[in-house]
Amino acid sequence: EQLLPVYSTDQPEVHEIVLKMRQVLDSYTNRLLIGEIYLPIHQ
C-alpha cells in the first residue's frame, strides 16, 4: 500500500476480458459470474 496501484490494476481493457468470460457463461444455461474486486464503489 506504499503505492497506489493505478497502472498495475483496473485498466480499461479488463472489461473486454470480463465480457469474453461472460459470453462463455452465457453460452450455457443460467450460469453465474462473480468477480473479486477490491475497488471504491464507483469503480
PDB file of all heavy atoms in Angstrom:
ATOM      1  N   GLU A   1       0.804  -1.220   0.000  1.00  0.00           N
ATOM      2  CA  GLU A   1       0.000   0.000   0.000  1.00  0.00           C
ATOM      3  C   GLU A   1       0.840   1.274   0.000  1.00  0.00           C
ATOM      4  O   GLU A   1       0.298   2.384   0.052  1.00  0.00           O
ATOM      5  CB  GLU A   1      -0.969  -0.016   1.187  1.00  0.00           C
ATOM      6  CG  GLU A   1      -1.975  -1.152   1.092  1.00  0.00           C
ATOM      7  CD  GLU A   1      -3.028  -1.111   2.184  1.00  0.00           C
ATOM      8  OE1 GLU A   1      -3.761  -0.103   2.254  1.00  0.00           O
ATOM      9  OE2 GLU A   1      -3.107  -2.078   2.962  1.00  0.00           O
ATOM     10  N   GLN A   2       2.163   1.137  -0.077  1.00  0.00           N
ATOM     11  CA  GLN A   2       3.027   2.320  -0.196  1.00  0.00           C
ATOM     12  C   GLN A   2       2.774   3.056  -1.515  1.00  0.00           C
ATOM     13  O   GLN A   2       3.003   4.257  -1.618  1.00  0.00           O
ATOM     14  CB  GLN A   2       4.501   1.897  -0.125  1.00  0.00           C
ATOM     15  CG  GLN A   2       4.926   1.422   1.256  1.00  0.00           C
ATOM     16  CD  GLN A   2       6.302   0.780   1.244  1.00  0.00           C
ATOM     17  OE1 GLN A   2       6.914   0.608   0.179  1.00  0.00           O
ATOM     18  NE2 GLN A   2       6.794   0.412   2.416  1.00  0.00           N
ATOM     19  N   LEU A   3       2.290   2.318  -2.510  1.00  0.00           N
ATOM     20  CA  LEU A   3       1.993   2.908  -3.824  1.00  0.00           C
ATOM     21  C   LEU A   3       0.503   2.747  -4.128  1.00  0.00           C
ATOM     22  O   LEU A   3      -0.147   1.818  -3.636  1.00  0.00           O
ATOM     23  CB  LEU A   3       2.802   2.216  -4.924  1.00  0.00           C
ATOM     24  CG  LEU A   3       4.324   2.205  -4.773  1.00  0.00           C
ATOM     25  CD1 LEU A   3       4.967   1.417  -5.924  1.00  0.00           C
ATOM     26  CD2 LEU A   3       4.885   3.632  -4.749  1.00  0.00           C
ATOM     27  N   LEU A   4      -0.026   3.635  -4.969  1.00  0.00           N
ATOM     28  CA  LEU A   4      -1.398   3.494  -5.461  1.00  0.00           C
ATOM     29  C   LEU A   4      -1.338   2.700  -6.771  1.00  0.00           C
ATOM     30  O   LEU A   4      -0.702   3.157  -7.728  1.00  0.00           O
ATOM     31  CB  LEU A   4      -2.027   4.871  -5.702  1.00  0.00           C
ATOM     32  CG  LEU A   4      -2.179   5.751  -4.460  1.00  0.00           C
ATOM     33  CD1 LEU A   4      -2.652   7.152  -4.842  1.00  0.00           C
ATOM     34  CD2 LEU A   4      -3.149   5.114  -3.462  1.00  0.00           C
ATOM     35  N   PRO A   5      -1.976   1.525  -6.834  1.00  0.00           N
ATOM     36  CA  PRO A   5      -1.798   0.634  -7.998  1.00  0.00           C
ATOM     37  C   PRO A   5      -2.619   1.067  -9.217  1.00  0.00           C
ATOM     38  O   PRO A   5      -3.385   0.291  -9.782  1.00  0.00           O
ATOM     39  CB  PRO A   5      -2.248  -0.722  -7.456  1.00  0.00           C
ATOM     40  CG  PRO A   5      -3.260  -0.381  -6.405  1.00  0.00           C
ATOM     41  CD  PRO A   5      -2.810   0.915  -5.793  1.00  0.00           C
ATOM     42  N   VAL A   6      -2.439   2.313  -9.609  1.00  0.00           N
ATOM     43  CA  VAL A   6      -3.285   2.860 -10.681  1.00  0.00           C
ATOM     44  C   VAL A   6      -2.897   2.337 -12.065  1.00  0.00           C
ATOM     45  O   VAL A   6      -3.720   2.344 -12.985  1.00  0.00           O
ATOM     46  CB  VAL A   6      -3.269   4.406 -10.676  1.00  0.00           C
ATOM     47  CG1 VAL A   6      -3.858   4.952  -9.381  1.00  0.00           C
ATOM     48  CG2 VAL A   6      -1.868   4.947 -10.883  1.00  0.00           C
ATOM     49  N   TYR A   7      -1.655   1.870 -12.215  1.00  0.00           N
ATOM     50  CA  TYR A   7      -1.232   1.334 -13.520  1.00  0.00           C
ATOM     51  C   TYR A   7      -1.134  -0.187 -13.531  1.00  0.00           C
ATOM     52  O   TYR A   7      -1.183  -0.809 -14.594  1.00  0.00           O
ATOM     53  CB  TYR A   7       0.124   1.931 -13.931  1.00  0.00           C
ATOM     54  CG  TYR A   7       0.034   3.412 -14.244  1.00  0.00           C
ATOM     55  CD1 TYR A   7       0.752   4.344 -13.507  1.00  0.00           C
ATOM     56  CD2 TYR A   7      -0.789   3.867 -15.280  1.00  0.00           C
ATOM     57  CE1 TYR A   7       0.662   5.707 -13.787  1.00  0.00           C
ATOM     58  CE2 TYR A   7      -0.892   5.221 -15.566  1.00  0.00           C
ATOM     59  CZ  TYR A   7      -0.155   6.142 -14.815  1.00  0.00           C
ATOM     60  OH  TYR A   7      -0.247   7.481 -15.098  1.00  0.00           O
ATOM     61  N   SER A   8      -1.014  -0.794 -12.361  1.00  0.00           N
ATOM     62  CA  SER A   8      -0.868  -2.258 -12.306  1.00  0.00           C
ATOM     63  C   SER A   8      -2.212  -2.980 -12.179  1.00  0.00           C
ATOM     64  O   SER A   8      -2.279  -4.201 -12.273  1.00  0.00           O
ATOM     65  CB  SER A   8       0.035  -2.660 -11.140  1.00  0.00           C
ATOM     66  OG  SER A   8      -0.401  -2.056  -9.938  1.00  0.00           O
ATOM     67  N   THR A   9      -3.304  -2.221 -11.949  1.00  0.00           N
ATOM     68  CA  THR A   9      -4.640  -2.829 -11.818  1.00  0.00           C
ATOM     69  C   THR A   9      -5.696  -1.941 -12.477  1.00  0.00           C
ATOM     70  O   THR A   9      -5.428  -0.788 -12.824  1.00  0.00           O
ATOM     71  CB  THR A   9      -5.052  -3.000 -10.327  1.00  0.00           C
ATOM     72  OG1 THR A   9      -5.191  -1.705  -9.740  1.00  0.00           O
ATOM     73  CG2 THR A   9      -4.020  -3.800  -9.540  1.00  0.00           C
ATOM     74  N   ASP A  10      -6.908  -2.517 -12.630  1.00  0.00           N
ATOM     75  CA  ASP A  10      -8.107  -1.782 -13.050  1.00  0.00           C
ATOM     76  C   ASP A  10      -7.896  -0.966 -14.326  1.00  0.00           C
ATOM     77  O   ASP A  10      -8.292   0.194 -14.407  1.00  0.00           O
ATOM     78  CB  ASP A  10      -8.585  -0.872 -11.899  1.00  0.00           C
ATOM     79  CG  ASP A  10      -9.989  -0.332 -12.144  1.00  0.00           C
ATOM     80  OD1 ASP A  10     -10.808  -1.055 -12.731  1.00  0.00           O
ATOM     81  OD2 ASP A  10     -10.262   0.822 -11.753  1.00  0.00           O
ATOM     82  N   GLN A  11      -7.297  -1.603 -15.329  1.00  0.00           N
ATOM     83  CA  GLN A  11      -7.113  -0.932 -16.616  1.00  0.00           C
ATOM     84  C   GLN A  11      -8.380  -1.070 -17.468  1.00  0.00           C
ATOM     85  O   GLN A  11      -9.107  -2.064 -17.350  1.00  0.00           O
ATOM     86  CB  GLN A  11      -5.913  -1.534 -17.351  1.00  0.00           C
ATOM     87  CG  GLN A  11      -4.589  -1.346 -16.604  1.00  0.00           C
ATOM     88  CD  GLN A  11      -4.281   0.126 -16.330  1.00  0.00           C
ATOM     89  OE1 GLN A  11      -4.030   0.898 -17.241  1.00  0.00           O
ATOM     90  NE2 GLN A  11      -4.331   0.508 -15.062  1.00  0.00           N
ATOM     91  N   PRO A  12      -8.674  -0.078 -18.309  1.00  0.00           N
ATOM     92  CA  PRO A  12      -9.941  -0.097 -19.069  1.00  0.00           C
ATOM     93  C   PRO A  12     -10.148  -1.384 -19.869  1.00  0.00           C
ATOM     94  O   PRO A  12     -11.272  -1.888 -19.972  1.00  0.00           O
ATOM     95  CB  PRO A  12      -9.808   1.113 -20.010  1.00  0.00           C
ATOM     96  CG  PRO A  12      -8.783   2.000 -19.385  1.00  0.00           C
ATOM     97  CD  PRO A  12      -7.869   1.124 -18.581  1.00  0.00           C
ATOM     98  N   GLU A  13      -9.058  -1.944 -20.398  1.00  0.00           N
ATOM     99  CA  GLU A  13      -9.188  -3.124 -21.268  1.00  0.00           C
ATOM    100  C   GLU A  13      -9.655  -4.369 -20.518  1.00  0.00           C
ATOM    101  O   GLU A  13     -10.057  -5.356 -21.136  1.00  0.00           O
ATOM    102  CB  GLU A  13      -7.860  -3.436 -21.965  1.00  0.00           C
ATOM    103  CG  GLU A  13      -7.311  -2.302 -22.812  1.00  0.00           C
ATOM    104  CD  GLU A  13      -6.313  -1.416 -22.063  1.00  0.00           C
ATOM    105  OE1 GLU A  13      -6.481  -1.220 -20.837  1.00  0.00           O
ATOM    106  OE2 GLU A  13      -5.370  -0.933 -22.706  1.00  0.00           O
ATOM    107  N   VAL A  14      -9.608  -4.329 -19.185  1.00  0.00           N
ATOM    108  CA  VAL A  14     -10.025  -5.515 -18.420  1.00  0.00           C
ATOM    109  C   VAL A  14     -11.492  -5.843 -18.697  1.00  0.00           C
ATOM    110  O   VAL A  14     -11.906  -7.011 -18.663  1.00  0.00           O
ATOM    111  CB  VAL A  14      -9.775  -5.325 -16.908  1.00  0.00           C
ATOM    112  CG1 VAL A  14     -10.776  -4.362 -16.283  1.00  0.00           C
ATOM    113  CG2 VAL A  14      -9.827  -6.670 -16.179  1.00  0.00           C
ATOM    114  N   HIS A  15     -12.279  -4.822 -19.002  1.00  0.00           N
ATOM    115  CA  HIS A  15     -13.714  -5.054 -19.215  1.00  0.00           C
ATOM    116  C   HIS A  15     -13.984  -5.857 -20.486  1.00  0.00           C
ATOM    117  O   HIS A  15     -14.982  -6.568 -20.582  1.00  0.00           O
ATOM    118  CB  HIS A  15     -14.456  -3.718 -19.215  1.00  0.00           C
ATOM    119  CG  HIS A  15     -14.309  -2.994 -17.905  1.00  0.00           C
ATOM    120  ND1 HIS A  15     -14.887  -3.452 -16.741  1.00  0.00           N
ATOM    121  CD2 HIS A  15     -13.598  -1.883 -17.559  1.00  0.00           C
ATOM    122  CE1 HIS A  15     -14.551  -2.647 -15.737  1.00  0.00           C
ATOM    123  NE2 HIS A  15     -13.777  -1.696 -16.212  1.00  0.00           N
ATOM    124  N   GLU A  16     -13.063  -5.775 -21.451  1.00  0.00           N
ATOM    125  CA  GLU A  16     -13.188  -6.608 -22.653  1.00  0.00           C
ATOM    126  C   GLU A  16     -12.981  -8.084 -22.297  1.00  0.00           C
ATOM    127  O   GLU A  16     -13.633  -8.972 -22.851  1.00  0.00           O
ATOM    128  CB  GLU A  16     -12.166  -6.172 -23.707  1.00  0.00           C
ATOM    129  CG  GLU A  16     -12.370  -4.752 -24.211  1.00  0.00           C
ATOM    130  CD  GLU A  16     -11.145  -4.214 -24.959  1.00  0.00           C
ATOM    131  OE1 GLU A  16     -10.359  -5.041 -25.480  1.00  0.00           O
ATOM    132  OE2 GLU A  16     -10.985  -2.978 -25.012  1.00  0.00           O
ATOM    133  N   ILE A  17     -12.072  -8.345 -21.356  1.00  0.00           N
ATOM    134  CA  ILE A  17     -11.815  -9.715 -20.909  1.00  0.00           C
ATOM    135  C   ILE A  17     -13.028 -10.247 -20.141  1.00  0.00           C
ATOM    136  O   ILE A  17     -13.471 -11.382 -20.353  1.00  0.00           O
ATOM    137  CB  ILE A  17     -10.562  -9.773 -20.014  1.00  0.00           C
ATOM    138  CG1 ILE A  17      -9.346  -9.179 -20.729  1.00  0.00           C
ATOM    139  CG2 ILE A  17     -10.299 -11.196 -19.545  1.00  0.00           C
ATOM    140  CD1 ILE A  17      -8.966  -9.889 -22.002  1.00  0.00           C
ATOM    141  N   VAL A  18     -13.574  -9.427 -19.252  1.00  0.00           N
ATOM    142  CA  VAL A  18     -14.735  -9.848 -18.461  1.00  0.00           C
ATOM    143  C   VAL A  18     -15.911 -10.150 -19.394  1.00  0.00           C
ATOM    144  O   VAL A  18     -16.645 -11.137 -19.195  1.00  0.00           O
ATOM    145  CB  VAL A  18     -15.113  -8.774 -17.418  1.00  0.00           C
ATOM    146  CG1 VAL A  18     -16.347  -9.192 -16.636  1.00  0.00           C
ATOM    147  CG2 VAL A  18     -13.942  -8.522 -16.469  1.00  0.00           C
ATOM    148  N   LEU A  19     -16.078  -9.331 -20.431  1.00  0.00           N
ATOM    149  CA  LEU A  19     -17.139  -9.567 -21.414  1.00  0.00           C
ATOM    150  C   LEU A  19     -16.961 -10.935 -22.085  1.00  0.00           C
ATOM    151  O   LEU A  19     -17.924 -11.684 -22.260  1.00  0.00           O
ATOM    152  CB  LEU A  19     -17.131  -8.453 -22.471  1.00  0.00           C
ATOM    153  CG  LEU A  19     -18.058  -8.653 -23.682  1.00  0.00           C
ATOM    154  CD1 LEU A  19     -19.522  -8.727 -23.247  1.00  0.00           C
ATOM    155  CD2 LEU A  19     -17.871  -7.526 -24.703  1.00  0.00           C
ATOM    156  N   LYS A  20     -15.713 -11.281 -22.440  1.00  0.00           N
ATOM    157  CA  LYS A  20     -15.468 -12.580 -23.086  1.00  0.00           C
ATOM    158  C   LYS A  20     -15.790 -13.733 -22.133  1.00  0.00           C
ATOM    159  O   LYS A  20     -16.347 -14.758 -22.543  1.00  0.00           O
ATOM    160  CB  LYS A  20     -14.008 -12.667 -23.564  1.00  0.00           C
ATOM    161  CG  LYS A  20     -13.732 -11.765 -24.756  1.00  0.00           C
ATOM    162  CD  LYS A  20     -12.292 -11.851 -25.220  1.00  0.00           C
ATOM    163  CE  LYS A  20     -12.100 -10.940 -26.431  1.00  0.00           C
ATOM    164  NZ  LYS A  20     -10.731 -10.978 -26.972  1.00  0.00           N
ATOM    165  N   MET A  21     -15.447 -13.559 -20.853  1.00  0.00           N
ATOM    166  CA  MET A  21     -15.793 -14.582 -19.863  1.00  0.00           C
ATOM    167  C   MET A  21     -17.313 -14.721 -19.761  1.00  0.00           C
ATOM    168  O   MET A  21     -17.848 -15.836 -19.730  1.00  0.00           O
ATOM    169  CB  MET A  21     -15.216 -14.207 -18.499  1.00  0.00           C
ATOM    170  CG  MET A  21     -13.715 -14.311 -18.413  1.00  0.00           C
ATOM    171  SD  MET A  21     -13.156 -13.882 -16.748  1.00  0.00           S
ATOM    172  CE  MET A  21     -11.529 -14.674 -16.757  1.00  0.00           C
ATOM    173  N   ARG A  22     -17.981 -13.591 -19.718  1.00  0.00           N
ATOM    174  CA  ARG A  22     -19.444 -13.595 -19.610  1.00  0.00           C
ATOM    175  C   ARG A  22     -20.071 -14.271 -20.829  1.00  0.00           C
ATOM    176  O   ARG A  22     -21.055 -15.033 -20.709  1.00  0.00           O
ATOM    177  CB  ARG A  22     -19.943 -12.161 -19.453  1.00  0.00           C
ATOM    178  CG  ARG A  22     -21.435 -11.977 -19.504  1.00  0.00           C
ATOM    179  CD  ARG A  22     -22.176 -12.645 -18.341  1.00  0.00           C
ATOM    180  NE  ARG A  22     -23.606 -12.388 -18.481  1.00  0.00           N
ATOM    181  CZ  ARG A  22     -24.226 -11.319 -17.985  1.00  0.00           C
ATOM    182  NH1 ARG A  22     -23.548 -10.426 -17.267  1.00  0.00           N
ATOM    183  NH2 ARG A  22     -25.510 -11.146 -18.179  1.00  0.00           N
ATOM    184  N   GLN A  23     -19.500 -14.035 -22.013  1.00  0.00           N
ATOM    185  CA  GLN A  23     -20.043 -14.658 -23.226  1.00  0.00           C
ATOM    186  C   GLN A  23     -19.937 -16.181 -23.165  1.00  0.00           C
ATOM    187  O   GLN A  23     -20.832 -16.893 -23.619  1.00  0.00           O
ATOM    188  CB  GLN A  23     -19.331 -14.105 -24.466  1.00  0.00           C
ATOM    189  CG  GLN A  23     -19.761 -12.674 -24.784  1.00  0.00           C
ATOM    190  CD  GLN A  23     -18.869 -11.987 -25.813  1.00  0.00           C
ATOM    191  OE1 GLN A  23     -17.726 -12.402 -26.053  1.00  0.00           O
ATOM    192  NE2 GLN A  23     -19.377 -10.924 -26.424  1.00  0.00           N
ATOM    193  N   VAL A  24     -18.847 -16.670 -22.565  1.00  0.00           N
ATOM    194  CA  VAL A  24     -18.714 -18.124 -22.391  1.00  0.00           C
ATOM    195  C   VAL A  24     -19.824 -18.630 -21.470  1.00  0.00           C
ATOM    196  O   VAL A  24     -20.497 -19.621 -21.780  1.00  0.00           O
ATOM    197  CB  VAL A  24     -17.321 -18.494 -21.826  1.00  0.00           C
ATOM    198  CG1 VAL A  24     -17.279 -19.956 -21.399  1.00  0.00           C
ATOM    199  CG2 VAL A  24     -16.233 -18.214 -22.855  1.00  0.00           C
ATOM    200  N   LEU A  25     -20.032 -17.956 -20.343  1.00  0.00           N
ATOM    201  CA  LEU A  25     -21.083 -18.394 -19.420  1.00  0.00           C
ATOM    202  C   LEU A  25     -22.462 -18.311 -20.057  1.00  0.00           C
ATOM    203  O   LEU A  25     -23.298 -19.187 -19.845  1.00  0.00           O
ATOM    204  CB  LEU A  25     -21.037 -17.569 -18.126  1.00  0.00           C
ATOM    205  CG  LEU A  25     -20.052 -18.155 -17.119  1.00  0.00           C
ATOM    206  CD1 LEU A  25     -18.780 -17.362 -17.086  1.00  0.00           C
ATOM    207  CD2 LEU A  25     -20.657 -18.249 -15.741  1.00  0.00           C
ATOM    208  N   ASP A  26     -22.675 -17.263 -20.851  1.00  0.00           N
ATOM    209  CA  ASP A  26     -23.991 -17.082 -21.472  1.00  0.00           C
ATOM    210  C   ASP A  26     -24.270 -18.120 -22.556  1.00  0.00           C
ATOM    211  O   ASP A  26     -25.421 -18.298 -22.978  1.00  0.00           O
ATOM    212  CB  ASP A  26     -24.120 -15.667 -22.059  1.00  0.00           C
ATOM    213  CG  ASP A  26     -24.336 -14.618 -20.978  1.00  0.00           C
ATOM    214  OD1 ASP A  26     -24.563 -15.004 -19.807  1.00  0.00           O
ATOM    215  OD2 ASP A  26     -24.266 -13.411 -21.295  1.00  0.00           O
ATOM    216  N   SER A  27     -23.232 -18.817 -23.013  1.00  0.00           N
ATOM    217  CA  SER A  27     -23.450 -19.884 -24.000  1.00  0.00           C
ATOM    218  C   SER A  27     -23.943 -21.165 -23.317  1.00  0.00           C
ATOM    219  O   SER A  27     -24.259 -22.153 -23.983  1.00  0.00           O
ATOM    220  CB  SER A  27     -22.169 -20.150 -24.801  1.00  0.00           C
ATOM    221  OG  SER A  27     -21.170 -20.721 -23.979  1.00  0.00           O
ATOM    222  N   TYR A  28     -23.980 -21.154 -21.983  1.00  0.00           N
ATOM    223  CA  TYR A  28     -24.586 -22.229 -21.192  1.00  0.00           C
ATOM    224  C   TYR A  28     -25.848 -21.670 -20.539  1.00  0.00           C
ATOM    225  O   TYR A  28     -26.104 -20.476 -20.603  1.00  0.00           O
ATOM    226  CB  TYR A  28     -23.603 -22.718 -20.117  1.00  0.00           C
ATOM    227  CG  TYR A  28     -22.366 -23.394 -20.671  1.00  0.00           C
ATOM    228  CD1 TYR A  28     -21.328 -22.641 -21.216  1.00  0.00           C
ATOM    229  CD2 TYR A  28     -22.239 -24.777 -20.660  1.00  0.00           C
ATOM    230  CE1 TYR A  28     -20.190 -23.256 -21.726  1.00  0.00           C
ATOM    231  CE2 TYR A  28     -21.103 -25.401 -21.169  1.00  0.00           C
ATOM    232  CZ  TYR A  28     -20.081 -24.638 -21.706  1.00  0.00           C
ATOM    233  OH  TYR A  28     -18.959 -25.249 -22.213  1.00  0.00           O
ATOM    234  N   THR A  29     -26.604 -22.531 -19.894  1.00  0.00           N
ATOM    235  CA  THR A  29     -27.878 -22.088 -19.297  1.00  0.00           C
ATOM    236  C   THR A  29     -27.687 -21.665 -17.854  1.00  0.00           C
ATOM    237  O   THR A  29     -27.180 -22.441 -17.040  1.00  0.00           O
ATOM    238  CB  THR A  29     -28.916 -23.237 -19.356  1.00  0.00           C
ATOM    239  OG1 THR A  29     -29.003 -23.683 -20.710  1.00  0.00           O
ATOM    240  CG2 THR A  29     -30.287 -22.753 -18.892  1.00  0.00           C
ATOM    241  N   ASN A  30     -28.043 -20.410 -17.557  1.00  0.00           N
ATOM    242  CA  ASN A  30     -28.230 -19.989 -16.175  1.00  0.00           C
ATOM    243  C   ASN A  30     -26.984 -20.151 -15.305  1.00  0.00           C
ATOM    244  O   ASN A  30     -27.049 -20.697 -14.210  1.00  0.00           O
ATOM    245  CB  ASN A  30     -29.388 -20.805 -15.587  1.00  0.00           C
ATOM    246  CG  ASN A  30     -30.240 -19.968 -14.645  1.00  0.00           C
ATOM    247  OD1 ASN A  30     -29.924 -18.809 -14.382  1.00  0.00           O
ATOM    248  ND2 ASN A  30     -31.292 -20.555 -14.125  1.00  0.00           N
ATOM    249  N   ARG A  31     -25.833 -19.681 -15.798  1.00  0.00           N
ATOM    250  CA  ARG A  31     -24.587 -19.770 -15.026  1.00  0.00           C
ATOM    251  C   ARG A  31     -24.217 -18.379 -14.497  1.00  0.00           C
ATOM    252  O   ARG A  31     -24.631 -17.352 -15.035  1.00  0.00           O
ATOM    253  CB  ARG A  31     -23.446 -20.331 -15.879  1.00  0.00           C
ATOM    254  CG  ARG A  31     -23.795 -21.639 -16.606  1.00  0.00           C
ATOM    255  CD  ARG A  31     -24.078 -22.818 -15.681  1.00  0.00           C
ATOM    256  NE  ARG A  31     -24.623 -23.961 -16.397  1.00  0.00           N
ATOM    257  CZ  ARG A  31     -23.899 -24.987 -16.826  1.00  0.00           C
ATOM    258  NH1 ARG A  31     -22.594 -25.026 -16.611  1.00  0.00           N
ATOM    259  NH2 ARG A  31     -24.477 -25.986 -17.467  1.00  0.00           N
ATOM    260  N   LEU A  32     -23.378 -18.376 -13.456  1.00  0.00           N
ATOM    261  CA  LEU A  32     -23.105 -17.150 -12.686  1.00  0.00           C
ATOM    262  C   LEU A  32     -21.632 -16.763 -12.769  1.00  0.00           C
ATOM    263  O   LEU A  32     -20.745 -17.612 -12.624  1.00  0.00           O
ATOM    264  CB  LEU A  32     -23.489 -17.386 -11.219  1.00  0.00           C
ATOM    265  CG  LEU A  32     -23.074 -16.331 -10.187  1.00  0.00           C
ATOM    266  CD1 LEU A  32     -23.775 -15.001 -10.460  1.00  0.00           C
ATOM    267  CD2 LEU A  32     -23.406 -16.819  -8.778  1.00  0.00           C
ATOM    268  N   LEU A  33     -21.370 -15.460 -12.955  1.00  0.00           N
ATOM    269  CA  LEU A  33     -20.011 -14.925 -12.954  1.00  0.00           C
ATOM    270  C   LEU A  33     -19.885 -13.901 -11.823  1.00  0.00           C
ATOM    271  O   LEU A  33     -20.534 -12.855 -11.831  1.00  0.00           O
ATOM    272  CB  LEU A  33     -19.682 -14.256 -14.298  1.00  0.00           C
ATOM    273  CG  LEU A  33     -18.246 -13.751 -14.480  1.00  0.00           C
ATOM    274  CD1 LEU A  33     -17.242 -14.908 -14.434  1.00  0.00           C
ATOM    275  CD2 LEU A  33     -18.104 -12.984 -15.799  1.00  0.00           C
ATOM    276  N   ILE A  34     -19.045 -14.242 -10.824  1.00  0.00           N
ATOM    277  CA  ILE A  34     -18.764 -13.348  -9.701  1.00  0.00           C
ATOM    278  C   ILE A  34     -17.338 -12.829  -9.873  1.00  0.00           C
ATOM    279  O   ILE A  34     -16.441 -13.593 -10.247  1.00  0.00           O
ATOM    280  CB  ILE A  34     -18.855 -14.100  -8.347  1.00  0.00           C
ATOM    281  CG1 ILE A  34     -20.236 -14.719  -8.149  1.00  0.00           C
ATOM    282  CG2 ILE A  34     -18.522 -13.174  -7.188  1.00  0.00           C
ATOM    283  CD1 ILE A  34     -20.333 -15.634  -6.935  1.00  0.00           C
ATOM    284  N   GLY A  35     -17.104 -11.565  -9.586  1.00  0.00           N
ATOM    285  CA  GLY A  35     -15.758 -11.014  -9.668  1.00  0.00           C
ATOM    286  C   GLY A  35     -15.257 -10.570  -8.308  1.00  0.00           C
ATOM    287  O   GLY A  35     -15.974  -9.865  -7.582  1.00  0.00           O
ATOM    288  N   GLU A  36     -14.042 -11.003  -7.948  1.00  0.00           N
ATOM    289  CA  GLU A  36     -13.410 -10.457  -6.740  1.00  0.00           C
ATOM    290  C   GLU A  36     -12.738  -9.153  -7.122  1.00  0.00           C
ATOM    291  O   GLU A  36     -11.804  -9.130  -7.935  1.00  0.00           O
ATOM    292  CB  GLU A  36     -12.364 -11.419  -6.175  1.00  0.00           C
ATOM    293  CG  GLU A  36     -11.746 -10.864  -4.891  1.00  0.00           C
ATOM    294  CD  GLU A  36     -10.376 -11.440  -4.540  1.00  0.00           C
ATOM    295  OE1 GLU A  36      -9.668 -11.932  -5.442  1.00  0.00           O
ATOM    296  OE2 GLU A  36      -9.999 -11.365  -3.354  1.00  0.00           O
ATOM    297  N   ILE A  37     -13.212  -8.056  -6.541  1.00  0.00           N
ATOM    298  CA  ILE A  37     -12.730  -6.730  -6.915  1.00  0.00           C
ATOM    299  C   ILE A  37     -12.707  -5.845  -5.675  1.00  0.00           C
ATOM    300  O   ILE A  37     -13.761  -5.538  -5.110  1.00  0.00           O
ATOM    301  CB  ILE A  37     -13.652  -6.076  -7.990  1.00  0.00           C
ATOM    302  CG1 ILE A  37     -13.748  -6.970  -9.242  1.00  0.00           C
ATOM    303  CG2 ILE A  37     -13.148  -4.694  -8.366  1.00  0.00           C
ATOM    304  CD1 ILE A  37     -15.076  -6.912  -9.931  1.00  0.00           C
ATOM    305  N   TYR A  38     -11.515  -5.472  -5.229  1.00  0.00           N
ATOM    306  CA  TYR A  38     -11.389  -4.529  -4.115  1.00  0.00           C
ATOM    307  C   TYR A  38     -11.149  -3.142  -4.693  1.00  0.00           C
ATOM    308  O   TYR A  38     -10.015  -2.748  -4.957  1.00  0.00           O
ATOM    309  CB  TYR A  38     -10.239  -4.936  -3.198  1.00  0.00           C
ATOM    310  CG  TYR A  38     -10.550  -6.101  -2.283  1.00  0.00           C
ATOM    311  CD1 TYR A  38     -10.265  -7.406  -2.664  1.00  0.00           C
ATOM    312  CD2 TYR A  38     -11.121  -5.901  -1.030  1.00  0.00           C
ATOM    313  CE1 TYR A  38     -10.547  -8.481  -1.827  1.00  0.00           C
ATOM    314  CE2 TYR A  38     -11.416  -6.965  -0.184  1.00  0.00           C
ATOM    315  CZ  TYR A  38     -11.119  -8.244  -0.593  1.00  0.00           C
ATOM    316  OH  TYR A  38     -11.403  -9.306   0.236  1.00  0.00           O
ATOM    317  N   LEU A  39     -12.233  -2.423  -4.950  1.00  0.00           N
ATOM    318  CA  LEU A  39     -12.147  -1.078  -5.514  1.00  0.00           C
ATOM    319  C   LEU A  39     -13.244  -0.213  -4.893  1.00  0.00           C
ATOM    320  O   LEU A  39     -14.262  -0.731  -4.431  1.00  0.00           O
ATOM    321  CB  LEU A  39     -12.353  -1.112  -7.036  1.00  0.00           C
ATOM    322  CG  LEU A  39     -11.209  -1.639  -7.906  1.00  0.00           C
ATOM    323  CD1 LEU A  39     -11.672  -1.724  -9.355  1.00  0.00           C
ATOM    324  CD2 LEU A  39      -9.970  -0.767  -7.804  1.00  0.00           C
ATOM    325  N   PRO A  40     -13.050   1.120  -4.907  1.00  0.00           N
ATOM    326  CA  PRO A  40     -14.149   2.000  -4.484  1.00  0.00           C
ATOM    327  C   PRO A  40     -15.397   1.732  -5.324  1.00  0.00           C
ATOM    328  O   PRO A  40     -15.297   1.320  -6.490  1.00  0.00           O
ATOM    329  CB  PRO A  40     -13.593   3.407  -4.757  1.00  0.00           C
ATOM    330  CG  PRO A  40     -12.102   3.246  -4.760  1.00  0.00           C
ATOM    331  CD  PRO A  40     -11.839   1.868  -5.297  1.00  0.00           C
ATOM    332  N   ILE A  41     -16.559   1.997  -4.724  1.00  0.00           N
ATOM    333  CA  ILE A  41     -17.827   1.614  -5.345  1.00  0.00           C
ATOM    334  C   ILE A  41     -17.987   2.162  -6.762  1.00  0.00           C
ATOM    335  O   ILE A  41     -18.449   1.467  -7.660  1.00  0.00           O
ATOM    336  CB  ILE A  41     -19.009   2.074  -4.457  1.00  0.00           C
ATOM    337  CG1 ILE A  41     -19.042   1.230  -3.179  1.00  0.00           C
ATOM    338  CG2 ILE A  41     -20.325   1.951  -5.180  1.00  0.00           C
ATOM    339  CD1 ILE A  41     -19.207  -0.261  -3.414  1.00  0.00           C
ATOM    340  N   HIS A  42     -17.586   3.420  -6.979  1.00  0.00           N
ATOM    341  CA  HIS A  42     -17.814   3.997  -8.307  1.00  0.00           C
ATOM    342  C   HIS A  42     -16.980   3.291  -9.375  1.00  0.00           C
ATOM    343  O   HIS A  42     -17.341   3.284 -10.556  1.00  0.00           O
ATOM    344  CB  HIS A  42     -17.541   5.510  -8.306  1.00  0.00           C
ATOM    345  CG  HIS A  42     -16.122   5.883  -8.037  1.00  0.00           C
ATOM    346  ND1 HIS A  42     -15.594   5.906  -6.763  1.00  0.00           N
ATOM    347  CD2 HIS A  42     -15.098   6.232  -8.870  1.00  0.00           C
ATOM    348  CE1 HIS A  42     -14.320   6.264  -6.826  1.00  0.00           C
ATOM    349  NE2 HIS A  42     -13.998   6.458  -8.081  1.00  0.00           N
ATOM    350  N   GLN A  43     -15.845   2.672  -8.980  1.00  0.00           N
ATOM    351  CA  GLN A  43     -15.065   1.868  -9.927  1.00  0.00           C
ATOM    352  C   GLN A  43     -15.587   0.440  -9.990  1.00  0.00           C
ATOM    353  O   GLN A  43     -15.599  -0.183 -11.052  1.00  0.00           O
ATOM    354  CB  GLN A  43     -13.585   1.857  -9.519  1.00  0.00           C
ATOM    355  CG  GLN A  43     -12.870   3.188  -9.732  1.00  0.00           C
ATOM    356  CD  GLN A  43     -11.529   3.230  -9.010  1.00  0.00           C
ATOM    357  OE1 GLN A  43     -11.434   3.652  -7.864  1.00  0.00           O
ATOM    358  NE2 GLN A  43     -10.492   2.771  -9.676  1.00  0.00           N
TER     359      GLN A  43
END
